Amino acid sequence: MQSKLLEIKLNPGSKNRVLELIDTMKNNIELPKYEMTQKGYYWDSVFFDIKAGQELLYMVIKSEDFSKIMIDESELKPTPFRLFYEKFRSECWAPEMYNDIEALICFNQCLDFN
């Protein structure tokens, strides 16, 4: 299993929306899980931070093989979760692309940052 750490800049005041997204996912896990299975990766952990006034979302995602994840989302068979997630992303993500943070080493054998 491979892992990636992403840093996503959020618009100001997005923390409550992040918590709402997480609650929605936890309460309806079969829907985001189905979409993640189609895409070929899943969210492992989500962290929130504020640095110099910038709200940040850190996400560890995992995949058997990141070279085989779904890139073209037009092939995705969406669930009702997709509408909720797209609204969250359009309203909360800052316009910049997310950063794929380069891992140097991970001492936790459950994570593999390759």
C-alpha atoms as a PDB file:
ATOM      1  CA  MET A   1       0.000   0.000   0.000  1.00  0.00           C
ATOM      2  CA  GLN A   2       1.368   3.425  -0.993  1.00  0.00           C
ATOM      3  CA  SER A   3       0.635   6.679   0.838  1.00  0.00           C
ATOM      4  CA  LYS A   4       0.709  10.370  -0.097  1.00  0.00           C
ATOM      5  CA  LEU A   5       0.480  13.446   2.063  1.00  0.00           C
ATOM      6  CA  LEU A   6      -1.427  16.357   0.543  1.00  0.00           C
ATOM      7  CA  GLU A   7      -1.591  19.946   1.771  1.00  0.00           C
ATOM      8  CA  ILE A   8      -4.732  21.772   0.683  1.00  0.00           C
ATOM      9  CA  LYS A   9      -5.152  25.509   1.236  1.00  0.00           C
ATOM     10  CA  LEU A  10      -8.638  26.411   2.400  1.00  0.00           C
ATOM     11  CA  ASN A  11     -10.637  29.600   2.239  1.00  0.00           C
ATOM     12  CA  PRO A  12     -10.997  31.456   5.565  1.00  0.00           C
ATOM     13  CA  GLY A  13     -13.629  30.056   7.918  1.00  0.00           C
ATOM     14  CA  SER A  14     -13.676  26.548   6.421  1.00  0.00           C
ATOM     15  CA  LYS A  15     -12.997  24.493   9.566  1.00  0.00           C
ATOM     16  CA  ASN A  16     -16.674  23.979  10.418  1.00  0.00           C
ATOM     17  CA  ARG A  17     -17.330  22.884   6.841  1.00  0.00           C
ATOM     18  CA  VAL A  18     -14.455  20.379   7.093  1.00  0.00           C
ATOM     19  CA  LEU A  19     -15.994  18.977  10.282  1.00  0.00           C
ATOM     20  CA  GLU A  20     -19.384  18.810   8.533  1.00  0.00           C
ATOM     21  CA  LEU A  21     -17.798  16.928   5.612  1.00  0.00           C
ATOM     22  CA  ILE A  22     -16.149  14.445   7.979  1.00  0.00           C
ATOM     23  CA  ASP A  23     -19.405  13.907   9.903  1.00  0.00           C
ATOM     24  CA  THR A  24     -21.267  13.331   6.641  1.00  0.00           C
ATOM     25  CA  MET A  25     -18.650  10.809   5.551  1.00  0.00           C
ATOM     26  CA  LYS A  26     -18.697   8.991   8.893  1.00  0.00           C
ATOM     27  CA  ASN A  27     -22.509   8.827   8.959  1.00  0.00           C
ATOM     28  CA  ASN A  28     -22.752   7.578   5.352  1.00  0.00           C
ATOM     29  CA  ILE A  29     -19.412   5.824   4.907  1.00  0.00           C
ATOM     30  CA  GLU A  30     -20.653   3.467   2.197  1.00  0.00           C
ATOM     31  CA  LEU A  31     -21.111   6.362  -0.268  1.00  0.00           C
ATOM     32  CA  PRO A  32     -17.630   7.963  -0.145  1.00  0.00           C
ATOM     33  CA  LYS A  33     -16.088   4.498   0.236  1.00  0.00           C
ATOM     34  CA  TYR A  34     -17.770   3.369  -3.008  1.00  0.00           C
ATOM     35  CA  GLU A  35     -16.438   6.423  -4.858  1.00  0.00           C
ATOM     36  CA  MET A  36     -12.948   5.987  -3.421  1.00  0.00           C
ATOM     37  CA  THR A  37     -12.936   2.347  -4.479  1.00  0.00           C
ATOM     38  CA  GLN A  38     -13.772   3.411  -8.037  1.00  0.00           C
ATOM     39  CA  LYS A  39     -11.031   6.042  -8.010  1.00  0.00           C
ATOM     40  CA  GLY A  40      -8.423   3.621  -6.690  1.00  0.00           C
ATOM     41  CA  TYR A  41      -7.445   5.482  -3.516  1.00  0.00           C
ATOM     42  CA  TYR A  42      -8.938   6.320  -0.161  1.00  0.00           C
ATOM     43  CA  TRP A  43      -8.548   8.901   2.566  1.00  0.00           C
ATOM     44  CA  ASP A  44      -6.634   7.542   5.535  1.00  0.00           C
ATOM     45  CA  SER A  45      -6.283  10.584   7.802  1.00  0.00           C
ATOM     46  CA  VAL A  46      -7.304  14.238   7.734  1.00  0.00           C
ATOM     47  CA  PHE A  47      -5.674  17.042   9.753  1.00  0.00           C
ATOM     48  CA  PHE A  48      -6.497  20.732  10.092  1.00  0.00           C
ATOM     49  CA  ASP A  49      -3.981  23.512  10.801  1.00  0.00           C
ATOM     50  CA  ILE A  50      -3.634  27.286  10.557  1.00  0.00           C
ATOM     51  CA  LYS A  51      -0.268  28.803   9.611  1.00  0.00           C
ATOM     52  CA  ALA A  52       0.162  32.565   9.263  1.00  0.00           C
ATOM     53  CA  GLY A  53      -3.617  32.924   9.055  1.00  0.00           C
ATOM     54  CA  GLN A  54      -3.932  30.357   6.228  1.00  0.00           C
ATOM     55  CA  GLU A  55      -6.275  27.442   6.972  1.00  0.00           C
ATOM     56  CA  LEU A  56      -4.782  24.160   5.792  1.00  0.00           C
ATOM     57  CA  LEU A  57      -6.134  20.673   5.361  1.00  0.00           C
ATOM     58  CA  TYR A  58      -3.596  17.848   5.421  1.00  0.00           C
ATOM     59  CA  MET A  59      -4.732  14.544   4.023  1.00  0.00           C
ATOM     60  CA  VAL A  60      -3.014  11.176   3.938  1.00  0.00           C
ATOM     61  CA  ILE A  61      -4.347   9.158   1.029  1.00  0.00           C
ATOM     62  CA  LYS A  62      -3.545   5.527   0.242  1.00  0.00           C
ATOM     63  CA  SER A  63      -3.616   3.401  -2.879  1.00  0.00           C
ATOM     64  CA  GLU A  64      -2.388   0.037  -4.028  1.00  0.00           C
ATOM     65  CA  ASP A  65      -0.868   1.842  -7.026  1.00  0.00           C
ATOM     66  CA  PHE A  66      -1.138   5.605  -7.555  1.00  0.00           C
ATOM     67  CA  SER A  67      -0.188   5.186 -11.211  1.00  0.00           C
ATOM     68  CA  LYS A  68      -3.535   3.464 -11.744  1.00  0.00           C
ATOM     69  CA  ILE A  69      -5.915   5.868 -10.017  1.00  0.00           C
ATOM     70  CA  MET A  70      -8.880   7.262 -11.919  1.00  0.00           C
ATOM     71  CA  ILE A  71      -7.896  10.579 -13.470  1.00  0.00           C
ATOM     72  CA  ASP A  72     -10.942  11.130 -15.686  1.00  0.00           C
ATOM     73  CA  GLU A  73     -13.828  11.601 -13.237  1.00  0.00           C
ATOM     74  CA  SER A  74     -16.340  11.432 -16.099  1.00  0.00           C
ATOM     75  CA  GLU A  75     -16.055   7.645 -15.667  1.00  0.00           C
ATOM     76  CA  LEU A  76     -17.087   7.914 -12.006  1.00  0.00           C
ATOM     77  CA  LYS A  77     -20.465   6.500 -11.022  1.00  0.00           C
ATOM     78  CA  PRO A  78     -21.307   9.209  -8.486  1.00  0.00           C
ATOM     79  CA  THR A  79     -23.292   8.780  -5.313  1.00  0.00           C
ATOM     80  CA  PRO A  80     -25.332  11.500  -3.559  1.00  0.00           C
ATOM     81  CA  PHE A  81     -22.117  12.196  -1.618  1.00  0.00           C
ATOM     82  CA  ARG A  82     -20.511  13.584  -4.812  1.00  0.00           C
ATOM     83  CA  LEU A  83     -22.812  16.650  -4.851  1.00  0.00           C
ATOM     84  CA  PHE A  84     -22.050  17.377  -1.197  1.00  0.00           C
ATOM     85  CA  TYR A  85     -18.300  16.947  -1.730  1.00  0.00           C
ATOM     86  CA  GLU A  86     -18.171  19.063  -4.908  1.00  0.00           C
ATOM     87  CA  LYS A  87     -20.015  21.882  -3.129  1.00  0.00           C
ATOM     88  CA  PHE A  88     -17.550  21.643  -0.231  1.00  0.00           C
ATOM     89  CA  ARG A  89     -14.561  21.676  -2.572  1.00  0.00           C
ATOM     90  CA  SER A  90     -15.810  24.609  -4.668  1.00  0.00           C
ATOM     91  CA  GLU A  91     -16.649  26.716  -1.609  1.00  0.00           C
ATOM     92  CA  CYS A  92     -13.800  25.785   0.741  1.00  0.00           C
ATOM     93  CA  TRP A  93     -10.684  24.981  -1.295  1.00  0.00           C
ATOM     94  CA  ALA A  94      -8.532  27.997  -2.099  1.00  0.00           C
ATOM     95  CA  PRO A  95      -7.950  28.483  -5.848  1.00  0.00           C
ATOM     96  CA  GLU A  96      -4.358  27.187  -5.709  1.00  0.00           C
ATOM     97  CA  MET A  97      -3.614  23.536  -6.439  1.00  0.00           C
ATOM     98  CA  TYR A  98      -2.931  21.273  -3.498  1.00  0.00           C
ATOM     99  CA  ASN A  99       0.665  20.418  -2.631  1.00  0.00           C
ATOM    100  CA  ASP A 100       1.821  16.825  -2.831  1.00  0.00           C
ATOM    101  CA  ILE A 101       4.307  16.865   0.052  1.00  0.00           C
ATOM    102  CA  GLU A 102       7.481  14.920  -0.580  1.00  0.00           C
ATOM    103  CA  ALA A 103       8.046  12.378   2.168  1.00  0.00           C
ATOM    104  CA  LEU A 104      11.628  11.690   3.143  1.00  0.00           C
ATOM    105  CA  ILE A 105      11.103   8.776   5.472  1.00  0.00           C
ATOM    106  CA  CYS A 106       8.314   7.160   7.437  1.00  0.00           C
ATOM    107  CA  PHE A 107       9.139   5.009  10.432  1.00  0.00           C
ATOM    108  CA  ASN A 108       5.594   3.663  10.639  1.00  0.00           C
ATOM    109  CA  GLN A 109       5.569   0.420   8.653  1.00  0.00           C
ATOM    110  CA  CYS A 110       1.825   0.809   8.083  1.00  0.00           C
ATOM    111  CA  LEU A 111       2.529   3.807   5.842  1.00  0.00           C
ATOM    112  CA  ASP A 112       4.592   3.578   2.683  1.00  0.00           C
ATOM    113  CA  PHE A 113       5.491   6.933   1.106  1.00  0.00           C
ATOM    114  CA  ASN A 114       6.941   5.740  -2.201  1.00  0.00           C
END
